[in-house]
Amino acid sequence: MKELAEKLLEELNCETVFTIPAFGGVRVLESVVVTWIIMAALVLVSVCLVRNLKVESPGRTQLALEAGISFLYDFFDGLVGKKGRRYIPYLCTVLIYIGMANVIGLFGFKPPTKDLNVTGALALMSIVLVEYAGIHEKKVGGWLKSFAKPVAIVTPINILELFIRPLSLCMRLFGNVLGGFVIMELIKLIVPVIVPLPFSFYFDIFDGLIQAYVFVFLTALFINEAVEDEE
């Protein structure tokens, strides 16, 4: 158990890759550098995929890309509704990023989502977008009145949700990613040879993608709740 505790502390520790003296010695953490790598890889793949797009006689790559984008838009359209369609690109971007961040451990990098700062920032961005969506749709007056629905007595609870929601999104993503690591280490201690392989496949790939799905699914539901008028 001591070995497990040491490995857990090692996973939670975000090493400083380098500092920026010009900005007062700001530390650039490993999770930030890995995020830059993910961003560069996604930009490169995107540029390659959108080159030579054709209106007539598209190739197989273009057809597959269009089918994937259409699937994502149809999926999110059913969650956010007509009024929330303008936020679908953000949801798609976050889905792809978290999915990549959770499985990048297969390539020897530490997943950024094991850094509480990263999951907290993702949750904060999503909740800010949710509240912006509510203000944009209902205006400031309508947004403030929504805290008193369905009855005025629940206003304190609705206000408290402004802080509970980002905390919930943050800890759910961080906790599940870290929980998968703990379970894998326990399995390796008990059965160290062959059995951990399928479990490693599950936690490194399938579970990581599931957590990305859950995060954007909840964000989409919050957006739909924010923009839809209550009866």
C-alpha atoms as a PDB file:
ATOM      1  CA  MET A   1       0.000   0.000   0.000  1.00  0.00           C
ATOM      2  CA  LYS A   2       2.940   2.296   0.616  1.00  0.00           C
ATOM      3  CA  GLU A   3       4.040   1.758  -2.980  1.00  0.00           C
ATOM      4  CA  LEU A   4       0.517   2.574  -4.198  1.00  0.00           C
ATOM      5  CA  ALA A   5       0.470   5.760  -2.116  1.00  0.00           C
ATOM      6  CA  GLU A   6       3.816   6.826  -3.584  1.00  0.00           C
ATOM      7  CA  LYS A   7       2.608   6.211  -7.145  1.00  0.00           C
ATOM      8  CA  LEU A   8      -0.599   8.117  -6.426  1.00  0.00           C
ATOM      9  CA  LEU A   9       1.345  11.103  -5.117  1.00  0.00           C
ATOM     10  CA  GLU A  10       3.561  10.912  -8.196  1.00  0.00           C
ATOM     11  CA  GLU A  11       0.509  11.005 -10.455  1.00  0.00           C
ATOM     12  CA  LEU A  12      -0.953  13.960  -8.576  1.00  0.00           C
ATOM     13  CA  ASN A  13       2.316  15.862  -8.741  1.00  0.00           C
ATOM     14  CA  CYS A  14       2.486  18.160 -11.778  1.00  0.00           C
ATOM     15  CA  GLU A  15       6.097  18.778 -12.651  1.00  0.00           C
ATOM     16  CA  THR A  16       7.307  22.145 -13.886  1.00  0.00           C
ATOM     17  CA  VAL A  17       8.667  21.780 -17.418  1.00  0.00           C
ATOM     18  CA  PHE A  18      10.159  25.276 -17.599  1.00  0.00           C
ATOM     19  CA  THR A  19       9.695  28.809 -16.276  1.00  0.00           C
ATOM     20  CA  ILE A  20       9.234  32.126 -18.081  1.00  0.00           C
ATOM     21  CA  PRO A  21      11.572  34.717 -16.483  1.00  0.00           C
ATOM     22  CA  ALA A  22      10.063  37.560 -18.528  1.00  0.00           C
ATOM     23  CA  PHE A  23       6.742  37.077 -16.681  1.00  0.00           C
ATOM     24  CA  GLY A  24       8.164  36.898 -13.188  1.00  0.00           C
ATOM     25  CA  GLY A  25       9.203  33.263 -13.333  1.00  0.00           C
ATOM     26  CA  VAL A  26       5.786  31.849 -14.228  1.00  0.00           C
ATOM     27  CA  ARG A  27       5.879  28.051 -14.063  1.00  0.00           C
ATOM     28  CA  VAL A  28       4.682  26.089 -17.092  1.00  0.00           C
ATOM     29  CA  LEU A  29       3.418  22.746 -15.833  1.00  0.00           C
ATOM     30  CA  GLU A  30       3.541  19.390 -17.571  1.00  0.00           C
ATOM     31  CA  SER A  31      -0.239  19.393 -18.062  1.00  0.00           C
ATOM     32  CA  VAL A  32       0.017  22.688 -19.974  1.00  0.00           C
ATOM     33  CA  VAL A  33       2.767  21.388 -22.274  1.00  0.00           C
ATOM     34  CA  VAL A  34       0.835  18.172 -22.982  1.00  0.00           C
ATOM     35  CA  THR A  35      -2.245  20.284 -23.752  1.00  0.00           C
ATOM     36  CA  TRP A  36      -0.169  22.271 -26.258  1.00  0.00           C
ATOM     37  CA  ILE A  37       0.897  18.978 -27.854  1.00  0.00           C
ATOM     38  CA  ILE A  38      -2.738  17.864 -28.106  1.00  0.00           C
ATOM     39  CA  MET A  39      -3.726  21.214 -29.612  1.00  0.00           C
ATOM     40  CA  ALA A  40      -0.914  21.068 -32.177  1.00  0.00           C
ATOM     41  CA  ALA A  41      -1.832  17.488 -33.128  1.00  0.00           C
ATOM     42  CA  LEU A  42      -5.516  18.366 -33.528  1.00  0.00           C
ATOM     43  CA  VAL A  43      -4.737  21.458 -35.610  1.00  0.00           C
ATOM     44  CA  LEU A  44      -2.410  19.433 -37.844  1.00  0.00           C
ATOM     45  CA  VAL A  45      -4.980  16.666 -38.305  1.00  0.00           C
ATOM     46  CA  SER A  46      -7.714  19.233 -38.992  1.00  0.00           C
ATOM     47  CA  VAL A  47      -5.616  20.970 -41.651  1.00  0.00           C
ATOM     48  CA  CYS A  48      -4.879  17.648 -43.331  1.00  0.00           C
ATOM     49  CA  LEU A  49      -8.524  16.562 -43.269  1.00  0.00           C
ATOM     50  CA  VAL A  50      -9.993  19.789 -44.696  1.00  0.00           C
ATOM     51  CA  ARG A  51      -7.550  20.131 -47.571  1.00  0.00           C
ATOM     52  CA  ASN A  52      -8.962  19.664 -51.081  1.00  0.00           C
ATOM     53  CA  LEU A  53     -12.597  19.518 -50.028  1.00  0.00           C
ATOM     54  CA  LYS A  54     -14.955  19.030 -52.966  1.00  0.00           C
ATOM     55  CA  VAL A  55     -18.597  19.870 -53.528  1.00  0.00           C
ATOM     56  CA  GLU A  56     -18.929  17.215 -56.216  1.00  0.00           C
ATOM     57  CA  SER A  57     -17.501  13.707 -56.083  1.00  0.00           C
ATOM     58  CA  PRO A  58     -16.001  13.936 -52.567  1.00  0.00           C
ATOM     59  CA  GLY A  59     -13.494  11.295 -51.526  1.00  0.00           C
ATOM     60  CA  ARG A  60     -13.897   8.697 -48.802  1.00  0.00           C
ATOM     61  CA  THR A  61     -12.019  10.792 -46.250  1.00  0.00           C
ATOM     62  CA  GLN A  62     -14.297  13.777 -46.816  1.00  0.00           C
ATOM     63  CA  LEU A  63     -17.403  11.592 -46.628  1.00  0.00           C
ATOM     64  CA  ALA A  64     -16.219  10.037 -43.367  1.00  0.00           C
ATOM     65  CA  LEU A  65     -15.412  13.481 -41.948  1.00  0.00           C
ATOM     66  CA  GLU A  66     -18.804  14.878 -42.938  1.00  0.00           C
ATOM     67  CA  ALA A  67     -20.555  11.841 -41.470  1.00  0.00           C
ATOM     68  CA  GLY A  68     -18.697  12.270 -38.185  1.00  0.00           C
ATOM     69  CA  ILE A  69     -19.473  15.995 -37.947  1.00  0.00           C
ATOM     70  CA  SER A  70     -23.125  15.384 -38.856  1.00  0.00           C
ATOM     71  CA  PHE A  71     -23.368  12.705 -36.162  1.00  0.00           C
ATOM     72  CA  LEU A  72     -21.984  15.064 -33.516  1.00  0.00           C
ATOM     73  CA  TYR A  73     -24.273  17.903 -34.569  1.00  0.00           C
ATOM     74  CA  ASP A  74     -27.339  15.646 -34.593  1.00  0.00           C
ATOM     75  CA  PHE A  75     -26.404  14.242 -31.194  1.00  0.00           C
ATOM     76  CA  PHE A  76     -25.923  17.624 -29.539  1.00  0.00           C
ATOM     77  CA  ASP A  77     -28.893  19.143 -31.361  1.00  0.00           C
ATOM     78  CA  GLY A  78     -31.139  16.720 -29.509  1.00  0.00           C
ATOM     79  CA  LEU A  79     -29.647  17.825 -26.185  1.00  0.00           C
ATOM     80  CA  VAL A  80     -29.321  21.606 -26.440  1.00  0.00           C
ATOM     81  CA  GLY A  81     -32.392  22.214 -28.600  1.00  0.00           C
ATOM     82  CA  LYS A  82     -32.917  24.814 -31.285  1.00  0.00           C
ATOM     83  CA  LYS A  83     -31.892  27.756 -29.089  1.00  0.00           C
ATOM     84  CA  GLY A  84     -28.635  26.131 -28.038  1.00  0.00           C
ATOM     85  CA  ARG A  85     -27.321  25.166 -31.487  1.00  0.00           C
ATOM     86  CA  ARG A  86     -24.842  28.048 -31.554  1.00  0.00           C
ATOM     87  CA  TYR A  87     -22.888  26.328 -28.746  1.00  0.00           C
ATOM     88  CA  ILE A  88     -22.460  22.979 -30.487  1.00  0.00           C
ATOM     89  CA  PRO A  89     -18.951  23.813 -31.854  1.00  0.00           C
ATOM     90  CA  TYR A  90     -17.754  24.415 -28.287  1.00  0.00           C
ATOM     91  CA  LEU A  91     -19.215  21.108 -27.115  1.00  0.00           C
ATOM     92  CA  CYS A  92     -17.590  19.243 -30.010  1.00  0.00           C
ATOM     93  CA  THR A  93     -14.234  20.877 -29.283  1.00  0.00           C
ATOM     94  CA  VAL A  94     -14.337  20.023 -25.574  1.00  0.00           C
ATOM     95  CA  LEU A  95     -15.418  16.448 -26.361  1.00  0.00           C
ATOM     96  CA  ILE A  96     -12.473  15.921 -28.701  1.00  0.00           C
ATOM     97  CA  TYR A  97      -9.992  17.563 -26.330  1.00  0.00           C
ATOM     98  CA  ILE A  98     -11.034  15.604 -23.229  1.00  0.00           C
ATOM     99  CA  GLY A  99     -11.148  12.376 -25.236  1.00  0.00           C
ATOM    100  CA  MET A 100      -7.603  12.980 -26.482  1.00  0.00           C
ATOM    101  CA  ALA A 101      -6.398  14.109 -23.043  1.00  0.00           C
ATOM    102  CA  ASN A 102      -7.709  10.941 -21.409  1.00  0.00           C
ATOM    103  CA  VAL A 103      -6.133   8.504 -23.884  1.00  0.00           C
ATOM    104  CA  ILE A 104      -2.826  10.291 -24.451  1.00  0.00           C
ATOM    105  CA  GLY A 105      -1.339   8.211 -21.661  1.00  0.00           C
ATOM    106  CA  LEU A 106      -1.055   5.393 -24.225  1.00  0.00           C
ATOM    107  CA  PHE A 107       1.655   7.474 -25.932  1.00  0.00           C
ATOM    108  CA  GLY A 108       3.729   7.920 -22.778  1.00  0.00           C
ATOM    109  CA  PHE A 109       2.365  11.312 -21.692  1.00  0.00           C
ATOM    110  CA  LYS A 110       0.648  12.073 -18.393  1.00  0.00           C
ATOM    111  CA  PRO A 111      -3.018  12.902 -19.143  1.00  0.00           C
ATOM    112  CA  PRO A 112      -3.712  16.608 -18.422  1.00  0.00           C
ATOM    113  CA  THR A 113      -7.038  15.598 -16.834  1.00  0.00           C
ATOM    114  CA  LYS A 114      -5.061  14.172 -13.903  1.00  0.00           C
ATOM    115  CA  ASP A 115      -4.298  17.792 -13.018  1.00  0.00           C
ATOM    116  CA  LEU A 116      -7.080  19.288 -10.913  1.00  0.00           C
ATOM    117  CA  ASN A 117      -6.278  22.709 -12.397  1.00  0.00           C
ATOM    118  CA  VAL A 118      -7.151  21.446 -15.890  1.00  0.00           C
ATOM    119  CA  THR A 119     -10.456  19.835 -14.932  1.00  0.00           C
ATOM    120  CA  GLY A 120     -11.324  22.888 -12.851  1.00  0.00           C
ATOM    121  CA  ALA A 121     -10.622  25.222 -15.785  1.00  0.00           C
ATOM    122  CA  LEU A 122     -12.734  23.076 -18.131  1.00  0.00           C
ATOM    123  CA  ALA A 123     -15.615  23.064 -15.657  1.00  0.00           C
ATOM    124  CA  LEU A 124     -15.352  26.826 -15.094  1.00  0.00           C
ATOM    125  CA  MET A 125     -15.361  27.542 -18.855  1.00  0.00           C
ATOM    126  CA  SER A 126     -18.418  25.352 -19.359  1.00  0.00           C
ATOM    127  CA  ILE A 127     -20.406  26.924 -16.532  1.00  0.00           C
ATOM    128  CA  VAL A 128     -19.495  30.452 -17.672  1.00  0.00           C
ATOM    129  CA  LEU A 129     -20.773  29.488 -21.137  1.00  0.00           C
ATOM    130  CA  VAL A 130     -23.964  28.060 -19.598  1.00  0.00           C
ATOM    131  CA  GLU A 131     -24.681  31.271 -17.712  1.00  0.00           C
ATOM    132  CA  TYR A 132     -23.786  33.375 -20.768  1.00  0.00           C
ATOM    133  CA  ALA A 133     -26.251  31.312 -22.801  1.00  0.00           C
ATOM    134  CA  GLY A 134     -28.967  32.051 -20.240  1.00  0.00           C
ATOM    135  CA  ILE A 135     -28.206  35.793 -20.225  1.00  0.00           C
ATOM    136  CA  HIS A 136     -28.003  35.920 -24.029  1.00  0.00           C
ATOM    137  CA  GLU A 137     -31.376  34.220 -24.422  1.00  0.00           C
ATOM    138  CA  LYS A 138     -33.351  35.691 -21.501  1.00  0.00           C
ATOM    139  CA  LYS A 139     -31.485  38.996 -21.051  1.00  0.00           C
ATOM    140  CA  VAL A 140     -30.199  40.018 -17.635  1.00  0.00           C
ATOM    141  CA  GLY A 141     -33.647  40.586 -16.150  1.00  0.00           C
ATOM    142  CA  GLY A 142     -35.004  37.231 -17.258  1.00  0.00           C
ATOM    143  CA  TRP A 143     -31.813  35.481 -16.148  1.00  0.00           C
ATOM    144  CA  LEU A 144     -32.101  36.968 -12.649  1.00  0.00           C
ATOM    145  CA  LYS A 145     -35.799  36.060 -12.452  1.00  0.00           C
ATOM    146  CA  SER A 146     -34.958  32.452 -13.344  1.00  0.00           C
ATOM    147  CA  PHE A 147     -33.314  32.043  -9.939  1.00  0.00           C
ATOM    148  CA  ALA A 148     -36.755  32.445  -8.335  1.00  0.00           C
ATOM    149  CA  LYS A 149     -38.323  29.622 -10.349  1.00  0.00           C
ATOM    150  CA  PRO A 150     -40.381  27.570  -9.803  1.00  0.00           C
ATOM    151  CA  VAL A 151     -41.039  29.394  -6.508  1.00  0.00           C
ATOM    152  CA  ALA A 152     -39.180  32.240  -4.806  1.00  0.00           C
ATOM    153  CA  ILE A 153     -38.310  30.159  -1.752  1.00  0.00           C
ATOM    154  CA  VAL A 154     -35.813  28.069  -3.769  1.00  0.00           C
ATOM    155  CA  THR A 155     -33.803  31.156  -4.837  1.00  0.00           C
ATOM    156  CA  PRO A 156     -30.890  30.456  -2.429  1.00  0.00           C
ATOM    157  CA  ILE A 157     -30.629  26.883  -3.740  1.00  0.00           C
ATOM    158  CA  ASN A 158     -30.621  28.052  -7.362  1.00  0.00           C
ATOM    159  CA  ILE A 159     -27.890  30.589  -6.569  1.00  0.00           C
ATOM    160  CA  LEU A 160     -25.888  27.881  -4.807  1.00  0.00           C
ATOM    161  CA  GLU A 161     -26.049  25.815  -8.002  1.00  0.00           C
ATOM    162  CA  LEU A 162     -23.803  28.404  -9.673  1.00  0.00           C
ATOM    163  CA  PHE A 163     -20.977  27.071  -7.490  1.00  0.00           C
ATOM    164  CA  ILE A 164     -22.093  23.446  -7.187  1.00  0.00           C
ATOM    165  CA  ARG A 165     -22.252  22.778 -10.918  1.00  0.00           C
ATOM    166  CA  PRO A 166     -18.630  23.636 -11.793  1.00  0.00           C
ATOM    167  CA  LEU A 167     -17.423  21.796  -8.698  1.00  0.00           C
ATOM    168  CA  SER A 168     -19.488  18.773  -9.696  1.00  0.00           C
ATOM    169  CA  LEU A 169     -18.181  18.760 -13.284  1.00  0.00           C
ATOM    170  CA  CYS A 170     -14.602  19.251 -12.109  1.00  0.00           C
ATOM    171  CA  MET A 171     -14.562  16.569  -9.418  1.00  0.00           C
ATOM    172  CA  ARG A 172     -16.506  14.047 -11.514  1.00  0.00           C
ATOM    173  CA  LEU A 173     -13.975  14.221 -14.349  1.00  0.00           C
ATOM    174  CA  PHE A 174     -10.909  14.391 -12.091  1.00  0.00           C
ATOM    175  CA  GLY A 175     -12.183  11.704  -9.710  1.00  0.00           C
ATOM    176  CA  ASN A 176     -13.053   9.188 -12.403  1.00  0.00           C
ATOM    177  CA  VAL A 177      -9.733   9.593 -14.219  1.00  0.00           C
ATOM    178  CA  LEU A 178      -7.791   9.274 -10.967  1.00  0.00           C
ATOM    179  CA  GLY A 179     -10.012   6.422  -9.778  1.00  0.00           C
ATOM    180  CA  GLY A 180      -9.193   4.447 -12.922  1.00  0.00           C
ATOM    181  CA  PHE A 181      -5.485   4.845 -12.152  1.00  0.00           C
ATOM    182  CA  VAL A 182      -5.930   3.590  -8.563  1.00  0.00           C
ATOM    183  CA  ILE A 183      -7.909   0.541  -9.693  1.00  0.00           C
ATOM    184  CA  MET A 184      -5.296  -0.319 -12.327  1.00  0.00           C
ATOM    185  CA  GLU A 185      -2.479  -0.095  -9.768  1.00  0.00           C
ATOM    186  CA  LEU A 186      -4.385  -2.362  -7.374  1.00  0.00           C
ATOM    187  CA  ILE A 187      -4.953  -4.909 -10.144  1.00  0.00           C
ATOM    188  CA  LYS A 188      -1.244  -4.825 -11.032  1.00  0.00           C
ATOM    189  CA  LEU A 189      -0.335  -5.500  -7.401  1.00  0.00           C
ATOM    190  CA  ILE A 190      -2.650  -8.514  -7.184  1.00  0.00           C
ATOM    191  CA  VAL A 191      -2.208  -9.996 -10.686  1.00  0.00           C
ATOM    192  CA  PRO A 192       0.878  -8.379 -12.205  1.00  0.00           C
ATOM    193  CA  VAL A 193       1.231 -10.231 -15.526  1.00  0.00           C
ATOM    194  CA  ILE A 194      -1.580 -10.883 -18.047  1.00  0.00           C
ATOM    195  CA  VAL A 195      -4.883  -9.941 -16.409  1.00  0.00           C
ATOM    196  CA  PRO A 196      -4.206  -6.143 -16.232  1.00  0.00           C
ATOM    197  CA  LEU A 197      -4.010  -5.866 -20.047  1.00  0.00           C
ATOM    198  CA  PRO A 198      -7.788  -5.827 -20.790  1.00  0.00           C
ATOM    199  CA  PHE A 199      -8.390  -3.617 -17.766  1.00  0.00           C
ATOM    200  CA  SER A 200      -5.709  -1.233 -18.994  1.00  0.00           C
ATOM    201  CA  PHE A 201      -7.453  -1.090 -22.372  1.00  0.00           C
ATOM    202  CA  TYR A 202     -10.729  -0.292 -20.622  1.00  0.00           C
ATOM    203  CA  PHE A 203      -9.458   2.445 -18.290  1.00  0.00           C
ATOM    204  CA  ASP A 204      -7.037   4.042 -20.751  1.00  0.00           C
ATOM    205  CA  ILE A 205      -9.385   4.134 -23.740  1.00  0.00           C
ATOM    206  CA  PHE A 206     -13.020   3.230 -23.141  1.00  0.00           C
ATOM    207  CA  ASP A 207     -13.426   4.809 -19.703  1.00  0.00           C
ATOM    208  CA  GLY A 208     -11.520   7.910 -20.833  1.00  0.00           C
ATOM    209  CA  LEU A 209     -13.883   8.417 -23.750  1.00  0.00           C
ATOM    210  CA  ILE A 210     -16.888   7.780 -21.523  1.00  0.00           C
ATOM    211  CA  GLN A 211     -15.753  10.540 -19.152  1.00  0.00           C
ATOM    212  CA  ALA A 212     -15.423  12.946 -22.097  1.00  0.00           C
ATOM    213  CA  TYR A 213     -18.965  12.025 -23.152  1.00  0.00           C
ATOM    214  CA  VAL A 214     -20.384  12.506 -19.643  1.00  0.00           C
ATOM    215  CA  PHE A 215     -18.738  15.930 -19.276  1.00  0.00           C
ATOM    216  CA  VAL A 216     -20.144  17.371 -22.511  1.00  0.00           C
ATOM    217  CA  PHE A 217     -23.479  15.589 -22.004  1.00  0.00           C
ATOM    218  CA  LEU A 218     -24.014  17.355 -18.677  1.00  0.00           C
ATOM    219  CA  THR A 219     -22.791  20.668 -20.118  1.00  0.00           C
ATOM    220  CA  ALA A 220     -25.262  20.335 -22.992  1.00  0.00           C
ATOM    221  CA  LEU A 221     -28.113  19.638 -20.559  1.00  0.00           C
ATOM    222  CA  PHE A 222     -27.163  22.707 -18.500  1.00  0.00           C
ATOM    223  CA  ILE A 223     -27.146  24.836 -21.671  1.00  0.00           C
ATOM    224  CA  ASN A 224     -30.566  23.527 -22.666  1.00  0.00           C
ATOM    225  CA  GLU A 225     -31.898  24.316 -19.207  1.00  0.00           C
ATOM    226  CA  ALA A 226     -30.423  27.819 -19.377  1.00  0.00           C
ATOM    227  CA  VAL A 227     -31.837  28.781 -22.773  1.00  0.00           C
ATOM    228  CA  GLU A 228     -35.226  27.099 -22.684  1.00  0.00           C
ATOM    229  CA  ASP A 229     -38.202  29.020 -21.295  1.00  0.00           C
ATOM    230  CA  GLU A 230     -39.832  27.416 -18.282  1.00  0.00           C
ATOM    231  CA  GLU A 231     -43.535  26.932 -18.407  1.00  0.00           C
END
